Amino acid sequence: MPKSKHSPEFRAKVSQEYLDGIGSIQFLADKYSIGYSTLKGWINEYQIHGIAAFCHPSNRNRTYSKEFKLRCVEAVLNGEGTVDDIIAKYAISSRSVLRSWIKVYNANREFKDYNPKREVYMAEARRKQHLRNEKKSLIIASTIIVTIRIQLQNSMFLTVRSILG
């Protein structure tokens, strides 16, 4: 979850205003210039966890085990709650995270545990990109060489032809 520009106290205050019946989600979202879905997520989290829902460190990525991912996906698919309910209940960082897990599950692919060696993945991606760039360079170079050979052959033919007259 990206670092919020709103303090935990502010998010709790706005959520409590909704729960106290001061206004609808749309009214409060407009009043405080907050996205409707954002406010709805805050309210769901606040109802379950109170202000503690907003006090987690958000300056780093959270990690989830494959068992946890499966439990959350099955909770949605078994009707234990909506996507919003499940992300609030299990403190998942965002709707898109849970949705991506559901896509993996529906594609019959296996969940993977988080591997903290991100730099390994990045190095592999850079290596692959480097190879792609290298292949492109080789193709361009070989095309240039073929073109030059053809031009040389043509110019030599013309030279020989002009000499022979």
N, C-alpha and C. Protein backbone atom coordinates (compact mmCIF):
# COMPACT_ATOMS: atom_id res chain seq x y z
N MET A 1 0.85 -1.16 0.00
CA MET A 1 0.00 0.00 0.00
C MET A 1 0.90 1.23 0.00
N PRO A 2 0.66 2.18 -0.90
CA PRO A 2 1.50 3.37 -0.92
C PRO A 2 1.28 4.21 0.32
N LYS A 3 2.29 4.99 0.64
CA LYS A 3 2.20 5.85 1.82
C LYS A 3 1.05 6.83 1.64
N SER A 4 0.15 6.86 2.61
CA SER A 4 -1.03 7.71 2.52
C SER A 4 -0.70 9.13 2.91
N LYS A 5 -1.33 10.07 2.23
CA LYS A 5 -1.15 11.47 2.61
C LYS A 5 -2.05 11.83 3.79
N HIS A 6 -2.91 10.88 4.19
CA HIS A 6 -3.82 11.10 5.30
C HIS A 6 -3.33 10.34 6.54
N SER A 7 -3.35 11.01 7.66
CA SER A 7 -2.88 10.40 8.90
C SER A 7 -3.85 9.29 9.35
N PRO A 8 -3.37 8.38 10.17
CA PRO A 8 -4.28 7.36 10.71
C PRO A 8 -5.45 7.97 11.48
N GLU A 9 -5.18 9.05 12.19
CA GLU A 9 -6.25 9.71 12.95
C GLU A 9 -7.33 10.27 12.02
N PHE A 10 -6.89 10.88 10.90
CA PHE A 10 -7.85 11.43 9.95
C PHE A 10 -8.70 10.31 9.34
N ARG A 11 -8.05 9.22 8.94
CA ARG A 11 -8.79 8.11 8.35
C ARG A 11 -9.79 7.51 9.34
N ALA A 12 -9.38 7.42 10.60
CA ALA A 12 -10.29 6.92 11.64
C ALA A 12 -11.45 7.88 11.86
N LYS A 13 -11.16 9.18 11.86
CA LYS A 13 -12.20 10.20 12.07
C LYS A 13 -13.26 10.15 10.98
N VAL A 14 -12.82 10.08 9.73
CA VAL A 14 -13.76 10.05 8.61
C VAL A 14 -14.56 8.75 8.63
N SER A 15 -13.89 7.64 8.93
CA SER A 15 -14.60 6.36 9.01
C SER A 15 -15.65 6.40 10.12
N GLN A 16 -15.29 6.99 11.25
CA GLN A 16 -16.22 7.08 12.38
C GLN A 16 -17.40 7.99 12.03
N GLU A 17 -17.16 9.05 11.27
CA GLU A 17 -18.26 9.91 10.85
C GLU A 17 -19.29 9.12 10.05
N TYR A 18 -18.80 8.24 9.18
CA TYR A 18 -19.74 7.41 8.40
C TYR A 18 -20.51 6.48 9.34
N LEU A 19 -19.79 5.82 10.26
CA LEU A 19 -20.44 4.88 11.16
C LEU A 19 -21.42 5.58 12.10
N ASP A 20 -21.17 6.86 12.41
CA ASP A 20 -22.08 7.64 13.26
C ASP A 20 -23.26 8.18 12.48
N GLY A 21 -23.28 7.96 11.18
CA GLY A 21 -24.41 8.40 10.37
C GLY A 21 -24.36 9.86 9.96
N ILE A 22 -23.21 10.49 10.04
CA ILE A 22 -23.08 11.91 9.68
C ILE A 22 -23.28 12.11 8.18
N GLY A 23 -22.91 11.12 7.40
CA GLY A 23 -23.10 11.24 5.95
C GLY A 23 -22.85 9.90 5.27
N SER A 24 -23.27 9.84 4.02
CA SER A 24 -23.05 8.63 3.23
C SER A 24 -21.58 8.57 2.81
N ILE A 25 -21.19 7.44 2.25
CA ILE A 25 -19.82 7.33 1.77
C ILE A 25 -19.57 8.38 0.70
N GLN A 26 -20.50 8.54 -0.22
CA GLN A 26 -20.31 9.52 -1.29
C GLN A 26 -20.23 10.93 -0.75
N PHE A 27 -21.08 11.26 0.22
CA PHE A 27 -21.06 12.60 0.82
C PHE A 27 -19.71 12.89 1.48
N LEU A 28 -19.24 11.94 2.29
CA LEU A 28 -17.96 12.14 2.99
C LEU A 28 -16.78 12.14 2.02
N ALA A 29 -16.86 11.29 0.98
CA ALA A 29 -15.79 11.26 -0.02
C ALA A 29 -15.69 12.62 -0.71
N ASP A 30 -16.84 13.19 -1.06
CA ASP A 30 -16.85 14.51 -1.70
C ASP A 30 -16.38 15.59 -0.72
N LYS A 31 -16.87 15.52 0.52
CA LYS A 31 -16.54 16.52 1.53
C LYS A 31 -15.03 16.60 1.77
N TYR A 32 -14.36 15.44 1.81
CA TYR A 32 -12.93 15.40 2.13
C TYR A 32 -12.04 15.15 0.90
N SER A 33 -12.64 15.16 -0.28
CA SER A 33 -11.90 14.92 -1.53
C SER A 33 -11.12 13.59 -1.49
N ILE A 34 -11.85 12.55 -1.15
CA ILE A 34 -11.29 11.20 -1.07
C ILE A 34 -12.04 10.35 -2.09
N GLY A 35 -11.37 9.41 -2.71
CA GLY A 35 -12.04 8.50 -3.62
C GLY A 35 -13.05 7.64 -2.89
N TYR A 36 -14.15 7.36 -3.56
CA TYR A 36 -15.22 6.55 -2.98
C TYR A 36 -14.69 5.19 -2.52
N SER A 37 -13.98 4.50 -3.40
CA SER A 37 -13.46 3.16 -3.07
C SER A 37 -12.44 3.23 -1.94
N THR A 38 -11.64 4.27 -1.93
CA THR A 38 -10.66 4.45 -0.85
C THR A 38 -11.37 4.56 0.49
N LEU A 39 -12.37 5.42 0.54
CA LEU A 39 -13.10 5.62 1.79
C LEU A 39 -13.83 4.35 2.21
N LYS A 40 -14.40 3.66 1.26
CA LYS A 40 -15.10 2.41 1.56
C LYS A 40 -14.12 1.39 2.17
N GLY A 41 -12.91 1.33 1.61
CA GLY A 41 -11.88 0.45 2.17
C GLY A 41 -11.49 0.85 3.58
N TRP A 42 -11.34 2.15 3.81
CA TRP A 42 -11.01 2.63 5.15
C TRP A 42 -12.07 2.19 6.15
N ILE A 43 -13.33 2.38 5.77
CA ILE A 43 -14.44 2.04 6.68
C ILE A 43 -14.44 0.55 6.99
N ASN A 44 -14.26 -0.28 5.98
CA ASN A 44 -14.22 -1.73 6.20
C ASN A 44 -13.09 -2.11 7.16
N GLU A 45 -11.91 -1.55 6.95
CA GLU A 45 -10.78 -1.85 7.82
C GLU A 45 -11.02 -1.34 9.24
N TYR A 46 -11.56 -0.14 9.33
CA TYR A 46 -11.79 0.48 10.63
C TYR A 46 -12.82 -0.31 11.44
N GLN A 47 -13.86 -0.82 10.78
CA GLN A 47 -14.88 -1.59 11.48
C GLN A 47 -14.28 -2.86 12.10
N ILE A 48 -13.31 -3.44 11.45
CA ILE A 48 -12.73 -4.70 11.94
C ILE A 48 -11.58 -4.45 12.91
N HIS A 49 -10.68 -3.54 12.57
CA HIS A 49 -9.44 -3.39 13.33
C HIS A 49 -9.32 -2.10 14.12
N GLY A 50 -10.26 -1.17 13.98
CA GLY A 50 -10.16 0.12 14.65
C GLY A 50 -9.02 0.93 14.06
N ILE A 51 -8.51 1.88 14.81
CA ILE A 51 -7.45 2.75 14.30
C ILE A 51 -6.17 1.96 14.00
N ALA A 52 -6.01 0.81 14.60
CA ALA A 52 -4.82 -0.03 14.36
C ALA A 52 -4.72 -0.42 12.88
N ALA A 53 -5.84 -0.43 12.18
CA ALA A 53 -5.83 -0.77 10.76
C ALA A 53 -4.99 0.22 9.96
N PHE A 54 -4.86 1.43 10.48
CA PHE A 54 -4.16 2.48 9.74
C PHE A 54 -2.74 2.74 10.28
N CYS A 55 -2.33 2.01 11.28
CA CYS A 55 -1.05 2.28 11.93
C CYS A 55 0.06 1.32 11.52
N HIS A 56 -0.18 0.49 10.53
CA HIS A 56 0.87 -0.43 10.09
C HIS A 56 1.88 0.33 9.25
N PRO A 57 3.14 -0.11 9.26
CA PRO A 57 4.14 0.56 8.43
C PRO A 57 3.85 0.30 6.96
N SER A 58 3.69 1.36 6.20
CA SER A 58 3.35 1.19 4.78
C SER A 58 4.52 1.55 3.88
N ASN A 59 5.70 1.70 4.46
CA ASN A 59 6.84 2.11 3.65
C ASN A 59 7.59 0.93 3.04
N ARG A 60 7.08 -0.29 3.22
CA ARG A 60 7.71 -1.45 2.59
C ARG A 60 6.63 -2.42 2.14
N ASN A 61 6.98 -3.27 1.22
CA ASN A 61 6.03 -4.25 0.73
C ASN A 61 5.73 -5.29 1.80
N ARG A 62 4.50 -5.71 1.84
CA ARG A 62 4.13 -6.79 2.75
C ARG A 62 4.38 -8.11 2.04
N THR A 63 4.56 -9.14 2.83
CA THR A 63 4.78 -10.45 2.25
C THR A 63 3.67 -11.40 2.71
N TYR A 64 3.29 -12.31 1.83
CA TYR A 64 2.22 -13.25 2.12
C TYR A 64 2.66 -14.65 1.70
N SER A 65 2.37 -15.63 2.53
CA SER A 65 2.71 -17.02 2.18
C SER A 65 1.68 -17.55 1.19
N LYS A 66 2.05 -18.62 0.50
CA LYS A 66 1.10 -19.20 -0.47
C LYS A 66 -0.12 -19.76 0.25
N GLU A 67 0.05 -20.25 1.48
CA GLU A 67 -1.09 -20.75 2.25
C GLU A 67 -2.07 -19.62 2.59
N PHE A 68 -1.50 -18.47 2.95
CA PHE A 68 -2.33 -17.30 3.26
C PHE A 68 -3.10 -16.84 2.02
N LYS A 69 -2.42 -16.80 0.88
CA LYS A 69 -3.08 -16.40 -0.37
C LYS A 69 -4.24 -17.33 -0.68
N LEU A 70 -4.02 -18.63 -0.55
CA LEU A 70 -5.06 -19.60 -0.83
C LEU A 70 -6.23 -19.43 0.13
N ARG A 71 -5.95 -19.21 1.42
CA ARG A 71 -7.01 -19.01 2.41
C ARG A 71 -7.87 -17.80 2.05
N CYS A 72 -7.24 -16.72 1.63
CA CYS A 72 -7.98 -15.49 1.28
C CYS A 72 -8.82 -15.69 0.03
N VAL A 73 -8.25 -16.33 -0.98
CA VAL A 73 -9.00 -16.57 -2.23
C VAL A 73 -10.20 -17.47 -1.95
N GLU A 74 -9.99 -18.53 -1.18
CA GLU A 74 -11.09 -19.44 -0.87
C GLU A 74 -12.16 -18.74 -0.04
N ALA A 75 -11.77 -17.80 0.80
CA ALA A 75 -12.74 -17.03 1.59
C ALA A 75 -13.67 -16.25 0.67
N VAL A 76 -13.10 -15.64 -0.38
CA VAL A 76 -13.93 -14.90 -1.34
C VAL A 76 -14.81 -15.86 -2.12
N LEU A 77 -14.22 -16.93 -2.64
CA LEU A 77 -14.96 -17.86 -3.49
C LEU A 77 -16.03 -18.64 -2.72
N ASN A 78 -15.82 -18.85 -1.42
CA ASN A 78 -16.81 -19.55 -0.60
C ASN A 78 -17.89 -18.62 -0.06
N GLY A 79 -17.82 -17.35 -0.43
CA GLY A 79 -18.85 -16.39 -0.02
C GLY A 79 -18.72 -15.88 1.40
N GLU A 80 -17.54 -15.98 1.98
CA GLU A 80 -17.35 -15.48 3.34
C GLU A 80 -17.36 -13.96 3.38
N GLY A 81 -17.27 -13.34 2.24
CA GLY A 81 -17.30 -11.88 2.17
C GLY A 81 -16.91 -11.42 0.78
N THR A 82 -17.09 -10.14 0.54
CA THR A 82 -16.69 -9.56 -0.74
C THR A 82 -15.17 -9.38 -0.74
N VAL A 83 -14.64 -8.98 -1.87
CA VAL A 83 -13.20 -8.68 -1.95
C VAL A 83 -12.85 -7.63 -0.91
N ASP A 84 -13.66 -6.59 -0.79
CA ASP A 84 -13.38 -5.54 0.19
C ASP A 84 -13.42 -6.07 1.62
N ASP A 85 -14.38 -6.96 1.90
CA ASP A 85 -14.47 -7.54 3.24
C ASP A 85 -13.21 -8.35 3.57
N ILE A 86 -12.76 -9.14 2.61
CA ILE A 86 -11.61 -10.02 2.86
C ILE A 86 -10.32 -9.22 3.00
N ILE A 87 -10.14 -8.17 2.18
CA ILE A 87 -8.90 -7.39 2.34
C ILE A 87 -8.88 -6.67 3.69
N ALA A 88 -10.06 -6.28 4.17
CA ALA A 88 -10.11 -5.64 5.49
C ALA A 88 -9.87 -6.68 6.59
N LYS A 89 -10.52 -7.83 6.47
CA LYS A 89 -10.41 -8.86 7.50
C LYS A 89 -8.98 -9.37 7.65
N TYR A 90 -8.29 -9.60 6.52
CA TYR A 90 -6.96 -10.17 6.56
C TYR A 90 -5.84 -9.12 6.39
N ALA A 91 -6.21 -7.85 6.38
CA ALA A 91 -5.23 -6.75 6.27
C ALA A 91 -4.34 -6.90 5.04
N ILE A 92 -4.97 -7.17 3.90
CA ILE A 92 -4.24 -7.27 2.63
C ILE A 92 -4.05 -5.84 2.12
N SER A 93 -2.94 -5.59 1.49
CA SER A 93 -2.57 -4.22 1.16
C SER A 93 -3.51 -3.52 0.18
N SER A 94 -4.11 -4.26 -0.77
CA SER A 94 -5.02 -3.60 -1.72
C SER A 94 -5.91 -4.61 -2.41
N ARG A 95 -6.96 -4.09 -3.03
CA ARG A 95 -7.89 -4.93 -3.78
C ARG A 95 -7.17 -5.62 -4.94
N SER A 96 -6.27 -4.89 -5.60
CA SER A 96 -5.59 -5.46 -6.77
C SER A 96 -4.73 -6.65 -6.39
N VAL A 97 -4.18 -6.66 -5.18
CA VAL A 97 -3.38 -7.80 -4.73
C VAL A 97 -4.26 -9.04 -4.64
N LEU A 98 -5.39 -8.92 -3.97
CA LEU A 98 -6.30 -10.06 -3.83
C LEU A 98 -6.86 -10.49 -5.19
N ARG A 99 -7.19 -9.53 -6.02
CA ARG A 99 -7.69 -9.87 -7.37
C ARG A 99 -6.65 -10.64 -8.17
N SER A 100 -5.38 -10.26 -8.05
CA SER A 100 -4.34 -10.98 -8.78
C SER A 100 -4.21 -12.41 -8.26
N TRP A 101 -4.39 -12.61 -6.96
CA TRP A 101 -4.36 -13.98 -6.41
C TRP A 101 -5.53 -14.79 -6.96
N ILE A 102 -6.70 -14.17 -7.09
CA ILE A 102 -7.87 -14.87 -7.62
C ILE A 102 -7.63 -15.27 -9.07
N LYS A 103 -6.99 -14.39 -9.84
CA LYS A 103 -6.66 -14.72 -11.24
C LYS A 103 -5.71 -15.91 -11.31
N VAL A 104 -4.71 -15.92 -10.45
CA VAL A 104 -3.76 -17.04 -10.42
C VAL A 104 -4.50 -18.34 -10.08
N TYR A 105 -5.37 -18.27 -9.09
CA TYR A 105 -6.15 -19.44 -8.66
C TYR A 105 -7.05 -19.94 -9.80
N ASN A 106 -7.75 -19.02 -10.45
CA ASN A 106 -8.67 -19.39 -11.53
C ASN A 106 -7.93 -19.93 -12.76
N ALA A 107 -6.68 -19.57 -12.92
CA ALA A 107 -5.88 -20.07 -14.04
C ALA A 107 -5.20 -21.40 -13.68
N ASN A 108 -5.55 -21.94 -12.52
CA ASN A 108 -4.97 -23.20 -12.04
C ASN A 108 -3.45 -23.16 -11.94
N ARG A 109 -2.94 -21.97 -11.63
CA ARG A 109 -1.49 -21.84 -11.42
C ARG A 109 -1.22 -21.91 -9.92
N GLU A 110 -0.02 -22.29 -9.57
CA GLU A 110 0.35 -22.45 -8.17
C GLU A 110 0.80 -21.10 -7.59
N PHE A 111 0.36 -20.85 -6.36
CA PHE A 111 0.82 -19.65 -5.66
C PHE A 111 2.29 -19.83 -5.31
N LYS A 112 3.01 -18.73 -5.27
CA LYS A 112 4.42 -18.77 -4.89
C LYS A 112 4.59 -18.00 -3.59
N ASP A 113 5.49 -18.52 -2.75
CA ASP A 113 5.86 -17.77 -1.56
C ASP A 113 6.72 -16.60 -1.98
N TYR A 114 6.69 -15.55 -1.20
CA TYR A 114 7.52 -14.40 -1.47
C TYR A 114 8.98 -14.79 -1.28
N ASN A 115 9.82 -14.37 -2.20
CA ASN A 115 11.26 -14.59 -2.07
C ASN A 115 11.92 -13.24 -1.90
N PRO A 116 12.55 -13.00 -0.75
CA PRO A 116 13.10 -11.66 -0.49
C PRO A 116 14.28 -11.29 -1.38
N LYS A 117 14.71 -12.18 -2.24
CA LYS A 117 15.87 -11.90 -3.10
C LYS A 117 15.40 -11.21 -4.39
N ARG A 118 14.75 -10.09 -4.24
CA ARG A 118 14.21 -9.37 -5.39
C ARG A 118 15.30 -9.02 -6.39
N GLU A 119 16.45 -8.69 -5.88
CA GLU A 119 17.54 -8.30 -6.78
C GLU A 119 17.90 -9.43 -7.73
N VAL A 120 17.67 -10.68 -7.33
CA VAL A 120 17.92 -11.81 -8.22
C VAL A 120 16.98 -11.74 -9.41
N TYR A 121 15.69 -11.46 -9.13
CA TYR A 121 14.72 -11.35 -10.20
C TYR A 121 15.06 -10.18 -11.12
N MET A 122 15.46 -9.07 -10.51
CA MET A 122 15.79 -7.89 -11.30
C MET A 122 17.02 -8.15 -12.16
N ALA A 123 18.02 -8.84 -11.59
CA ALA A 123 19.23 -9.14 -12.35
C ALA A 123 18.88 -10.05 -13.53
N GLU A 124 18.01 -11.01 -13.29
CA GLU A 124 17.59 -11.92 -14.37
C GLU A 124 16.87 -11.14 -15.47
N ALA A 125 16.00 -10.22 -15.08
CA ALA A 125 15.28 -9.41 -16.07
C ALA A 125 16.25 -8.54 -16.87
N ARG A 126 17.23 -7.95 -16.17
CA ARG A 126 18.22 -7.13 -16.87
C ARG A 126 19.04 -7.98 -17.83
N ARG A 127 19.39 -9.20 -17.41
CA ARG A 127 20.16 -10.10 -18.26
C ARG A 127 19.37 -10.43 -19.53
N LYS A 128 18.09 -10.73 -19.37
CA LYS A 128 17.25 -11.05 -20.52
C LYS A 128 17.13 -9.85 -21.45
N GLN A 129 16.95 -8.66 -20.89
CA GLN A 129 16.85 -7.45 -21.71
C GLN A 129 18.16 -7.21 -22.44
N HIS A 130 19.28 -7.42 -21.77
CA HIS A 130 20.59 -7.25 -22.38
C HIS A 130 20.74 -8.20 -23.57
N LEU A 131 20.31 -9.45 -23.39
CA LEU A 131 20.40 -10.43 -24.49
C LEU A 131 19.53 -10.02 -25.67
N ARG A 132 18.33 -9.53 -25.37
CA ARG A 132 17.44 -9.05 -26.45
C ARG A 132 18.09 -7.91 -27.21
N ASN A 133 18.67 -6.96 -26.48
CA ASN A 133 19.34 -5.83 -27.13
C ASN A 133 20.53 -6.30 -27.95
N GLU A 134 21.27 -7.26 -27.42
CA GLU A 134 22.42 -7.79 -28.13
C GLU A 134 22.00 -8.48 -29.43
N LYS A 135 20.91 -9.25 -29.37
CA LYS A 135 20.40 -9.91 -30.57
C LYS A 135 19.99 -8.88 -31.63
N LYS A 136 19.30 -7.84 -31.18
CA LYS A 136 18.89 -6.78 -32.11
C LYS A 136 20.11 -6.14 -32.77
N SER A 137 21.14 -5.88 -31.98
CA SER A 137 22.36 -5.28 -32.52
C SER A 137 23.02 -6.19 -33.54
N LEU A 138 23.05 -7.49 -33.26
CA LEU A 138 23.64 -8.44 -34.21
C LEU A 138 22.85 -8.50 -35.52
N ILE A 139 21.56 -8.46 -35.42
CA ILE A 139 20.72 -8.49 -36.62
C ILE A 139 20.96 -7.24 -37.46
N ILE A 140 21.01 -6.09 -36.81
CA ILE A 140 21.25 -4.84 -37.53
C ILE A 140 22.63 -4.86 -38.17
N ALA A 141 23.64 -5.32 -37.42
CA ALA A 141 25.01 -5.37 -37.96
C ALA A 141 25.10 -6.31 -39.15
N SER A 142 24.48 -7.47 -39.05
CA SER A 142 24.55 -8.42 -40.17
C SER A 142 23.80 -7.88 -41.39
N THR A 143 22.72 -7.17 -41.18
CA THR A 143 21.98 -6.56 -42.29
C THR A 143 22.84 -5.51 -42.98
N ILE A 144 23.55 -4.71 -42.20
CA ILE A 144 24.44 -3.68 -42.76
C ILE A 144 25.56 -4.34 -43.57
N ILE A 145 26.14 -5.39 -43.02
CA ILE A 145 27.23 -6.09 -43.72
C ILE A 145 26.74 -6.65 -45.05
N VAL A 146 25.59 -7.28 -45.06
CA VAL A 146 25.03 -7.84 -46.31
C VAL A 146 24.79 -6.72 -47.31
N THR A 147 24.24 -5.61 -46.85
CA THR A 147 23.97 -4.47 -47.74
C THR A 147 25.27 -3.94 -48.34
N ILE A 148 26.32 -3.81 -47.52
CA ILE A 148 27.61 -3.32 -48.01
C ILE A 148 28.20 -4.29 -49.03
N ARG A 149 28.12 -5.60 -48.76
CA ARG A 149 28.64 -6.58 -49.71
C ARG A 149 27.94 -6.48 -51.06
N ILE A 150 26.64 -6.33 -51.02
CA ILE A 150 25.87 -6.20 -52.27
C ILE A 150 26.29 -4.94 -53.02
N GLN A 151 26.44 -3.84 -52.29
CA GLN A 151 26.86 -2.60 -52.93
C GLN A 151 28.27 -2.72 -53.51
N LEU A 152 29.17 -3.38 -52.79
CA LEU A 152 30.53 -3.58 -53.30
C LEU A 152 30.53 -4.45 -54.56
N GLN A 153 29.73 -5.50 -54.52
CA GLN A 153 29.65 -6.37 -55.70
C GLN A 153 29.11 -5.60 -56.90
N ASN A 154 28.09 -4.81 -56.67
CA ASN A 154 27.51 -4.02 -57.76
C ASN A 154 28.51 -3.00 -58.29
N SER A 155 29.23 -2.33 -57.39
CA SER A 155 30.20 -1.33 -57.85
C SER A 155 31.37 -1.99 -58.57
N MET A 156 31.80 -3.20 -58.09
CA MET A 156 32.87 -3.91 -58.77
C MET A 156 32.41 -4.36 -60.16
N PHE A 157 31.18 -4.81 -60.28
CA PHE A 157 30.64 -5.23 -61.56
C PHE A 157 30.61 -4.06 -62.54
N LEU A 158 30.17 -2.91 -62.01
CA LEU A 158 30.11 -1.71 -62.86
C LEU A 158 31.50 -1.28 -63.28
N THR A 159 32.49 -1.36 -62.38
CA THR A 159 33.85 -0.98 -62.69
C THR A 159 34.44 -1.91 -63.76
N VAL A 160 34.26 -3.22 -63.58
CA VAL A 160 34.75 -4.19 -64.55
C VAL A 160 34.05 -3.97 -65.89
N ARG A 161 32.81 -3.70 -65.87
CA ARG A 161 32.02 -3.51 -67.08
C ARG A 161 32.49 -2.25 -67.82
N SER A 162 32.80 -1.18 -67.03
CA SER A 162 33.28 0.05 -67.68
C SER A 162 34.68 -0.13 -68.25
N ILE A 163 35.51 -0.95 -67.59
CA ILE A 163 36.86 -1.19 -68.09
C ILE A 163 36.80 -2.00 -69.39
N LEU A 164 35.94 -3.04 -69.37
CA LEU A 164 35.82 -3.89 -70.53
C LEU A 164 35.04 -3.20 -71.67
N GLY A 165 34.33 -2.22 -71.29
CA GLY A 165 33.69 -1.35 -72.24
C GLY A 165 32.57 -1.82 -72.97
